[in-house]
Amino acid sequence: MRAGLGLVPEDRKGQGLVLDASLQDNLTLARLDRDTRGGLVDRRGQRRAAAEVAGQLKVRMSGLGQHARTLSGGNQQKIVIGKWLLADTRLLILDEPTRGIDVGAKVEIYQLVNELTAAGRAVLMISSDLPEVLGMSDRVLVMAQGRLAGELSADEATQDAVMELAVRPAGASGPRHTNESAMEGSDVR
């Protein structure tokens, strides 16, 4: 966190949220050191910051005291992302960010990613959803058999080009792209 890195894990329920904690506590967890003075937590400041980011992300909730467990998958994902927005991360790593959420929440997360990159933040998206990777990436890194198989620019990244790199036998020669890439990882701008 001190290095400015944030991780939205693939398993949001097991690794990204404290399910029986309030939305306010989940949102402010990664910035607890900033909200603590002399061993006391500034709950009013936390509430203000949590309300602002929950509003920005359009989290559908009954209130900040609601437990994370009671939210839909898409709103839970927004809380995990919001935690890192409040922590002011410079690089946000998104591991399967839209798995298990509805189409409307997916669109909102895509818009948020675009806003983050437009504001100068870096986003590294790891996804097995090839259309998502192709639609969101400036650069695609393709992993195959645990190794980097190639890198493609957004212009080079097509379904065929990604699949060619993904299924190429290890050590096989052939046309290498300037960038070497994998369906598992993509650098989103």
Protein backbone atom coordinates (compact mmCIF):
# COMPACT_ATOMS: atom_id res chain seq x y z
CA MET A 1 0.00 0.00 0.00
CA ARG A 2 2.85 2.38 0.77
CA ALA A 3 4.18 1.80 -2.72
CA GLY A 4 0.85 2.96 -4.15
CA LEU A 5 -0.34 -0.48 -5.25
CA GLY A 6 -3.84 -1.82 -4.80
CA LEU A 7 -5.19 -5.30 -5.58
CA VAL A 8 -8.76 -6.19 -6.43
CA PRO A 9 -8.51 -9.99 -6.07
CA GLU A 10 -10.41 -12.54 -8.10
CA ASP A 11 -12.06 -13.85 -4.90
CA ARG A 12 -13.69 -10.66 -3.64
CA LYS A 13 -15.62 -12.41 -0.86
CA GLY A 14 -12.67 -14.36 0.52
CA GLN A 15 -9.86 -11.86 -0.06
CA GLY A 16 -11.29 -8.45 -0.93
CA LEU A 17 -13.94 -7.81 1.70
CA VAL A 18 -14.64 -8.25 5.38
CA LEU A 19 -18.13 -9.59 4.77
CA ASP A 20 -19.51 -9.01 8.26
CA ALA A 21 -18.10 -5.49 8.51
CA SER A 22 -19.90 -2.34 7.43
CA LEU A 23 -19.43 -0.77 4.02
CA GLN A 24 -17.79 2.19 5.74
CA ASP A 25 -15.25 -0.06 7.44
CA ASN A 26 -14.54 -1.96 4.20
CA LEU A 27 -14.10 1.24 2.20
CA THR A 28 -11.73 2.84 4.69
CA LEU A 29 -9.72 -0.25 5.65
CA ALA A 30 -6.77 0.46 3.32
CA ARG A 31 -6.39 4.03 4.64
CA LEU A 32 -6.80 3.32 8.33
CA ASP A 33 -3.35 4.73 9.08
CA ARG A 34 -4.41 8.09 7.61
CA ASP A 35 -7.63 8.12 9.62
CA THR A 36 -5.93 7.39 12.95
CA ARG A 37 -4.51 10.08 15.25
CA GLY A 38 -3.06 9.28 18.64
CA GLY A 39 -4.56 5.79 18.52
CA LEU A 40 -8.08 7.09 17.81
CA VAL A 41 -9.91 6.63 14.53
CA ASP A 42 -11.58 9.67 12.98
CA ARG A 43 -14.93 7.98 12.33
CA ARG A 44 -16.53 11.20 11.07
CA GLY A 45 -13.77 11.64 8.49
CA GLN A 46 -14.11 8.00 7.49
CA ARG A 47 -17.87 8.37 7.08
CA ARG A 48 -17.42 11.45 4.90
CA ALA A 49 -14.81 9.77 2.66
CA ALA A 50 -16.78 6.50 2.42
CA ALA A 51 -19.99 8.33 1.52
CA GLU A 52 -18.20 10.29 -1.20
CA VAL A 53 -16.66 7.24 -2.90
CA ALA A 54 -19.84 5.14 -2.52
CA GLY A 55 -21.75 7.93 -4.26
CA GLN A 56 -19.13 8.27 -6.97
CA LEU A 57 -19.31 4.51 -7.64
CA LYS A 58 -23.12 4.45 -7.45
CA VAL A 59 -23.15 1.69 -4.85
CA ARG A 60 -26.71 0.51 -4.28
CA MET A 61 -26.99 0.26 -0.50
CA SER A 62 -29.27 1.05 2.39
CA GLY A 63 -26.49 2.96 4.16
CA LEU A 64 -22.82 2.87 5.09
CA GLY A 65 -23.62 0.70 8.11
CA GLN A 66 -24.90 -2.11 5.89
CA HIS A 67 -22.75 -5.26 5.96
CA ALA A 68 -20.80 -6.07 2.78
CA ARG A 69 -22.26 -9.59 2.78
CA THR A 70 -25.72 -8.25 1.94
CA LEU A 71 -24.73 -6.51 -1.31
CA SER A 72 -25.00 -7.89 -4.83
CA GLY A 73 -21.79 -9.12 -6.47
CA GLY A 74 -21.44 -5.96 -8.57
CA ASN A 75 -21.86 -3.67 -5.57
CA GLN A 76 -19.41 -5.77 -3.54
CA GLN A 77 -16.89 -5.34 -6.36
CA LYS A 78 -17.44 -1.59 -6.32
CA ILE A 79 -16.68 -1.57 -2.59
CA VAL A 80 -13.41 -3.45 -3.15
CA ILE A 81 -12.42 -0.99 -5.89
CA GLY A 82 -13.58 1.97 -3.79
CA LYS A 83 -11.30 0.89 -0.95
CA TRP A 84 -8.31 1.36 -3.24
CA LEU A 85 -9.62 4.64 -4.64
CA LEU A 86 -9.76 6.00 -1.09
CA ALA A 87 -6.23 4.71 -0.47
CA ASP A 88 -5.15 6.80 -3.48
CA THR A 89 -3.29 4.01 -5.26
CA ARG A 90 -1.22 4.81 -8.33
CA LEU A 91 -1.39 1.27 -9.76
CA LEU A 92 -4.56 -0.78 -9.42
CA ILE A 93 -4.31 -4.48 -10.21
CA LEU A 94 -7.69 -5.94 -11.20
CA ASP A 95 -7.83 -9.75 -11.18
CA GLU A 96 -10.95 -10.95 -13.05
CA PRO A 97 -12.74 -7.68 -12.19
CA THR A 98 -16.07 -8.52 -13.81
CA ARG A 99 -16.43 -12.21 -13.00
CA GLY A 100 -19.78 -12.97 -11.40
CA ILE A 101 -21.36 -9.56 -11.81
CA ASP A 102 -24.26 -8.39 -13.96
CA VAL A 103 -23.91 -6.54 -17.25
CA GLY A 104 -24.85 -3.15 -15.77
CA ALA A 105 -22.15 -3.40 -13.09
CA LYS A 106 -19.63 -4.50 -15.74
CA VAL A 107 -20.29 -1.36 -17.76
CA GLU A 108 -19.90 0.81 -14.64
CA ILE A 109 -16.58 -0.86 -13.80
CA TYR A 110 -15.33 -0.40 -17.38
CA GLN A 111 -16.26 3.30 -17.18
CA LEU A 112 -14.45 3.61 -13.86
CA VAL A 113 -11.31 1.99 -15.29
CA ASN A 114 -11.37 4.43 -18.20
CA GLU A 115 -11.78 7.36 -15.78
CA LEU A 116 -8.86 6.14 -13.66
CA THR A 117 -6.53 5.84 -16.63
CA ALA A 118 -7.66 9.19 -18.02
CA ALA A 119 -6.72 10.70 -14.65
CA GLY A 120 -3.20 9.25 -14.95
CA ARG A 121 -3.52 6.13 -12.81
CA ALA A 122 -2.23 2.81 -14.10
CA VAL A 123 -4.46 -0.25 -14.25
CA LEU A 124 -3.26 -3.80 -14.78
CA MET A 125 -6.18 -6.03 -15.69
CA ILE A 126 -5.89 -9.80 -15.47
CA SER A 127 -8.77 -11.49 -17.26
CA SER A 128 -9.66 -14.74 -18.96
CA ASP A 129 -12.48 -12.94 -20.82
CA LEU A 130 -10.86 -12.28 -24.19
CA PRO A 131 -13.45 -9.74 -25.45
CA GLU A 132 -12.97 -7.82 -22.18
CA VAL A 133 -9.19 -7.83 -22.63
CA LEU A 134 -9.41 -6.70 -26.25
CA GLY A 135 -11.96 -4.00 -25.49
CA MET A 136 -10.18 -2.49 -22.48
CA SER A 137 -6.47 -2.79 -23.19
CA ASP A 138 -3.79 -0.55 -24.60
CA ARG A 139 -1.39 -3.47 -24.48
CA VAL A 140 -2.00 -7.20 -24.05
CA LEU A 141 0.48 -9.62 -22.51
CA VAL A 142 -0.28 -13.25 -23.34
CA MET A 143 0.73 -15.97 -20.91
CA ALA A 144 0.94 -19.62 -21.94
CA GLN A 145 2.19 -22.53 -19.87
CA GLY A 146 3.22 -20.16 -17.08
CA ARG A 147 5.44 -18.04 -19.32
CA LEU A 148 5.13 -14.81 -21.24
CA ALA A 149 4.26 -15.85 -24.79
CA GLY A 150 4.10 -12.38 -26.30
CA GLU A 151 2.99 -8.78 -26.14
CA LEU A 152 0.62 -7.02 -28.48
CA SER A 153 -0.30 -3.38 -28.84
CA ALA A 154 -4.01 -2.53 -28.91
CA ASP A 155 -3.80 -2.31 -32.72
CA GLU A 156 -2.15 -5.74 -33.01
CA ALA A 157 -4.39 -7.43 -30.44
CA THR A 158 -7.02 -9.47 -32.21
CA GLN A 159 -8.65 -12.67 -31.10
CA ASP A 160 -6.57 -14.60 -33.64
CA ALA A 161 -3.28 -12.94 -32.66
CA VAL A 162 -3.86 -13.60 -28.95
CA MET A 163 -4.86 -17.21 -29.56
CA GLU A 164 -1.83 -17.77 -31.80
CA LEU A 165 0.45 -16.71 -28.97
CA ALA A 166 -1.51 -18.63 -26.36
CA VAL A 167 -1.34 -21.98 -28.17
CA ARG A 168 2.16 -21.73 -29.66
CA PRO A 169 4.33 -24.56 -28.30
CA ALA A 170 6.94 -23.44 -25.76
CA GLY A 171 10.18 -22.48 -27.48
CA ALA A 172 8.57 -22.48 -30.92
CA SER A 173 9.95 -19.91 -33.26
CA GLY A 174 7.81 -17.82 -35.45
CA PRO A 175 6.93 -14.24 -35.94
CA ARG A 176 7.35 -12.46 -32.62
CA HIS A 177 5.38 -9.33 -32.06
CA THR A 178 7.17 -6.19 -30.94
CA ASN A 179 5.22 -6.68 -27.77
CA GLU A 180 4.92 -10.20 -26.32
CA SER A 181 1.50 -11.08 -24.78
CA ALA A 182 -1.08 -13.27 -22.80
CA MET A 183 -4.78 -13.52 -22.44
CA GLU A 184 -4.28 -13.64 -18.67
CA GLY A 185 -2.88 -10.16 -18.39
CA SER A 186 -3.46 -6.83 -19.93
CA ASP A 187 -2.27 -3.36 -19.31
CA VAL A 188 -5.25 -1.02 -19.46
CA ARG A 189 -4.95 2.69 -20.03
